Amino acid sequence: MRVARGTLLRNLAGSIGVLCTVAGLAFGLPALDRALPAQRPAGDGPYPVGGGVTVTPPPGARLDVTLTRPGDTRGTAVFLTGTVRYVVVVTPFDGSLAEANARLRRKITGVRGHEITGKEFPVRTASGLNGLQGTYAAPGRAGRYLVFRAGGVAIEVTAAGSAPALSGALPAIEASTRTIAYRGGTA
């Protein structure tokens, strides 16, 4: 059986087209991804973290778009202020504030070399959310953590960096954490 020369040429052209498309996807998309910045200015208005929670980032903060994941029932926002990493995580949670605090403390101490330091203190946001605040340390790093409960979510906040960097960024981060608000229902 003989195949027409025109049919072979059309098949060859189609195969080359598919090969070029696959090569474009395999090499072009990663190159485009590398060309896009991982950080962008966070802005100065309320940022929707997820789960009905908003926060106003510190002035001049950058948003790490590779780690930030907003969502309807949960979310994560990762801000950088200087070299300090400031993270707000919202997860569904139906326990008490004390249980949410214990969970966050376990997460922190579950990382090798991290330990809770000092005492915990009550905190309150401008919108009326009550929470707890404490400190932690790791080799070469200092950290602050806060936890709040609202509606059906827990709001976990951590800020970490070298001790001098954290000390310098803390006033702006504390001002930012006071802006945390829950808009998903009753607190």
Protein backbone atom coordinates (compact mmCIF):
# COMPACT_ATOMS: atom_id res chain seq x y z
CA MET A 1 0.00 0.00 0.00
CA ARG A 2 1.37 3.28 -1.04
CA VAL A 3 0.90 6.51 0.98
CA ALA A 4 0.60 9.72 -0.95
CA ARG A 5 3.54 12.11 -0.70
CA GLY A 6 1.20 15.00 0.30
CA THR A 7 -0.14 13.03 3.27
CA LEU A 8 3.40 12.33 4.51
CA LEU A 9 4.33 16.00 4.25
CA ARG A 10 1.20 17.06 6.17
CA ASN A 11 1.95 14.51 8.92
CA LEU A 12 5.57 15.71 9.09
CA ALA A 13 4.48 19.35 9.34
CA GLY A 14 1.97 18.49 12.06
CA SER A 15 4.57 16.53 14.02
CA ILE A 16 7.06 19.39 13.78
CA GLY A 17 4.35 21.80 14.98
CA VAL A 18 3.59 19.62 18.02
CA LEU A 19 7.32 19.27 18.78
CA CYS A 20 7.79 23.06 18.62
CA THR A 21 4.81 23.62 20.92
CA VAL A 22 6.13 21.13 23.50
CA ALA A 23 9.64 22.66 23.32
CA GLY A 24 8.16 26.15 23.73
CA LEU A 25 6.27 25.04 26.84
CA ALA A 26 9.23 23.14 28.28
CA PHE A 27 11.73 25.96 27.87
CA GLY A 28 9.65 29.11 27.49
CA LEU A 29 7.44 28.88 30.58
CA PRO A 30 10.32 28.29 33.05
CA ALA A 31 12.24 31.18 31.47
CA LEU A 32 9.18 33.43 31.82
CA ASP A 33 8.75 32.32 35.45
CA ARG A 34 12.39 33.17 36.23
CA ALA A 35 11.96 36.58 34.62
CA LEU A 36 9.05 37.52 36.93
CA PRO A 37 10.02 38.92 40.37
CA ALA A 38 9.32 36.76 43.44
CA GLN A 39 8.56 39.87 45.49
CA ARG A 40 6.43 42.89 44.81
CA PRO A 41 5.40 45.89 46.89
CA ALA A 42 2.70 44.83 49.36
CA GLY A 43 0.76 48.09 49.13
CA ASP A 44 -0.63 50.15 51.93
CA GLY A 45 -4.25 49.08 52.19
CA PRO A 46 -5.78 46.05 53.89
CA TYR A 47 -4.47 42.84 52.35
CA PRO A 48 -6.93 39.88 52.22
CA VAL A 49 -5.02 36.97 53.76
CA GLY A 50 -7.87 34.46 53.48
CA GLY A 51 -10.66 33.02 55.60
CA GLY A 52 -12.17 36.50 56.06
CA VAL A 53 -8.98 37.94 57.61
CA THR A 54 -7.26 41.14 56.47
CA VAL A 55 -4.06 42.89 57.56
CA THR A 56 -2.44 46.16 56.56
CA PRO A 57 1.23 45.40 55.79
CA PRO A 58 4.03 47.49 57.33
CA PRO A 59 5.03 50.53 55.25
CA GLY A 60 7.44 49.56 52.48
CA ALA A 61 6.90 45.81 53.01
CA ARG A 62 7.29 43.45 50.07
CA LEU A 63 4.96 40.52 49.41
CA ASP A 64 6.62 37.19 48.61
CA VAL A 65 4.32 35.96 45.86
CA THR A 66 5.97 32.52 45.77
CA LEU A 67 4.77 31.67 49.31
CA THR A 68 1.58 33.76 49.62
CA ARG A 69 -1.64 31.79 49.16
CA PRO A 70 -4.95 33.60 49.76
CA GLY A 71 -8.12 31.52 49.87
CA ASP A 72 -11.77 31.46 50.88
CA THR A 73 -11.37 29.40 54.07
CA ARG A 74 -7.62 29.66 54.71
CA GLY A 75 -4.66 31.66 53.54
CA THR A 76 -1.04 32.65 53.98
CA ALA A 77 0.57 36.03 53.46
CA VAL A 78 4.36 36.34 53.59
CA PHE A 79 5.75 39.86 53.88
CA LEU A 80 9.36 40.98 54.00
CA THR A 81 10.30 44.13 55.82
CA GLY A 82 14.01 44.56 55.34
CA THR A 83 15.41 41.10 56.06
CA VAL A 84 12.64 40.21 58.52
CA ARG A 85 10.06 37.68 57.41
CA TYR A 86 6.54 38.50 58.66
CA VAL A 87 3.95 35.75 58.09
CA VAL A 88 0.19 35.67 58.70
CA VAL A 89 -1.48 32.24 58.41
CA VAL A 90 -5.23 31.67 58.64
CA THR A 91 -6.60 28.14 59.05
CA PRO A 92 -10.01 26.71 59.91
CA PHE A 93 -10.06 26.01 63.64
CA ASP A 94 -12.86 25.37 66.12
CA GLY A 95 -10.86 25.14 69.35
CA SER A 96 -10.14 27.78 71.98
CA LEU A 97 -7.48 30.51 71.94
CA ALA A 98 -5.41 28.44 74.38
CA GLU A 99 -5.59 25.44 72.03
CA ALA A 100 -4.63 27.60 69.04
CA ASN A 101 -1.70 28.98 71.03
CA ALA A 102 -0.55 25.48 72.00
CA ARG A 103 -0.75 24.40 68.35
CA LEU A 104 1.38 27.36 67.19
CA ARG A 105 3.93 26.75 69.95
CA ARG A 106 4.20 23.09 68.84
CA LYS A 107 4.78 24.23 65.24
CA ILE A 108 7.54 26.58 66.33
CA THR A 109 9.32 24.11 68.62
CA GLY A 110 8.86 21.36 66.04
CA VAL A 111 11.52 23.08 63.93
CA ARG A 112 14.99 21.95 64.92
CA GLY A 113 16.77 24.52 67.09
CA HIS A 114 13.67 26.68 67.74
CA GLU A 115 12.59 27.27 71.32
CA ILE A 116 10.01 29.43 73.07
CA THR A 117 11.60 32.14 75.23
CA GLY A 118 10.15 34.51 77.79
CA LYS A 119 6.56 34.92 78.92
CA GLU A 120 3.37 35.28 76.94
CA PHE A 121 1.26 38.42 77.03
CA PRO A 122 -2.32 39.16 76.00
CA VAL A 123 -2.74 41.36 72.91
CA ARG A 124 -5.71 43.00 71.24
CA THR A 125 -6.15 44.25 67.69
CA ALA A 126 -7.83 47.54 66.79
CA SER A 127 -10.85 45.54 65.58
CA GLY A 128 -11.20 43.85 68.99
CA LEU A 129 -9.60 40.45 68.44
CA ASN A 130 -8.00 39.09 71.60
CA GLY A 131 -4.85 37.03 71.34
CA LEU A 132 -1.60 35.92 72.90
CA GLN A 133 1.93 36.99 72.07
CA GLY A 134 5.31 35.48 72.86
CA THR A 135 8.90 35.21 71.67
CA TYR A 136 11.06 32.43 70.31
CA ALA A 137 14.65 31.99 69.26
CA ALA A 138 16.70 29.90 66.90
CA PRO A 139 20.42 29.90 66.19
CA GLY A 140 21.20 33.35 64.79
CA ARG A 141 17.54 34.40 64.72
CA ALA A 142 14.97 35.95 67.00
CA GLY A 143 11.23 35.64 66.60
CA ARG A 144 7.89 36.91 67.79
CA TYR A 145 4.62 35.00 67.55
CA LEU A 146 0.98 35.95 68.04
CA VAL A 147 -2.19 33.93 67.79
CA PHE A 148 -5.83 35.01 67.58
CA ARG A 149 -9.15 33.17 67.34
CA ALA A 150 -12.10 34.49 65.37
CA GLY A 151 -15.22 32.79 64.07
CA GLY A 152 -14.07 29.42 62.76
CA VAL A 153 -10.43 30.35 62.16
CA ALA A 154 -7.11 30.62 63.96
CA ILE A 155 -4.82 33.47 62.94
CA GLU A 156 -1.13 32.71 63.48
CA VAL A 157 1.46 35.45 63.11
CA THR A 158 5.22 35.04 63.18
CA ALA A 159 8.02 37.52 62.58
CA ALA A 160 11.64 36.39 62.47
CA GLY A 161 15.05 37.72 61.56
CA SER A 162 18.40 38.48 63.06
CA ALA A 163 18.00 40.10 66.50
CA PRO A 164 19.05 43.59 65.30
CA ALA A 165 16.86 43.41 62.18
CA LEU A 166 13.83 42.18 64.13
CA SER A 167 14.32 44.86 66.77
CA GLY A 168 14.37 47.54 64.08
CA ALA A 169 11.32 46.18 62.22
CA LEU A 170 9.23 45.39 65.31
CA PRO A 171 7.46 48.76 65.71
CA ALA A 172 6.12 48.60 62.13
CA ILE A 173 5.21 44.90 62.47
CA GLU A 174 3.40 45.50 65.78
CA ALA A 175 1.45 48.35 64.18
CA SER A 176 0.56 46.00 61.32
CA THR A 177 -0.62 43.20 63.63
CA ARG A 178 -2.96 45.67 65.35
CA THR A 179 -4.74 46.04 61.98
CA ILE A 180 -5.62 42.35 61.72
CA ALA A 181 -9.37 42.09 61.30
CA TYR A 182 -11.79 39.23 60.84
CA ARG A 183 -14.64 40.00 58.45
CA GLY A 184 -16.00 36.50 58.06
CA GLY A 185 -18.64 36.74 60.81
CA THR A 186 -18.68 37.19 64.55
CA ALA A 187 -15.37 37.08 66.34
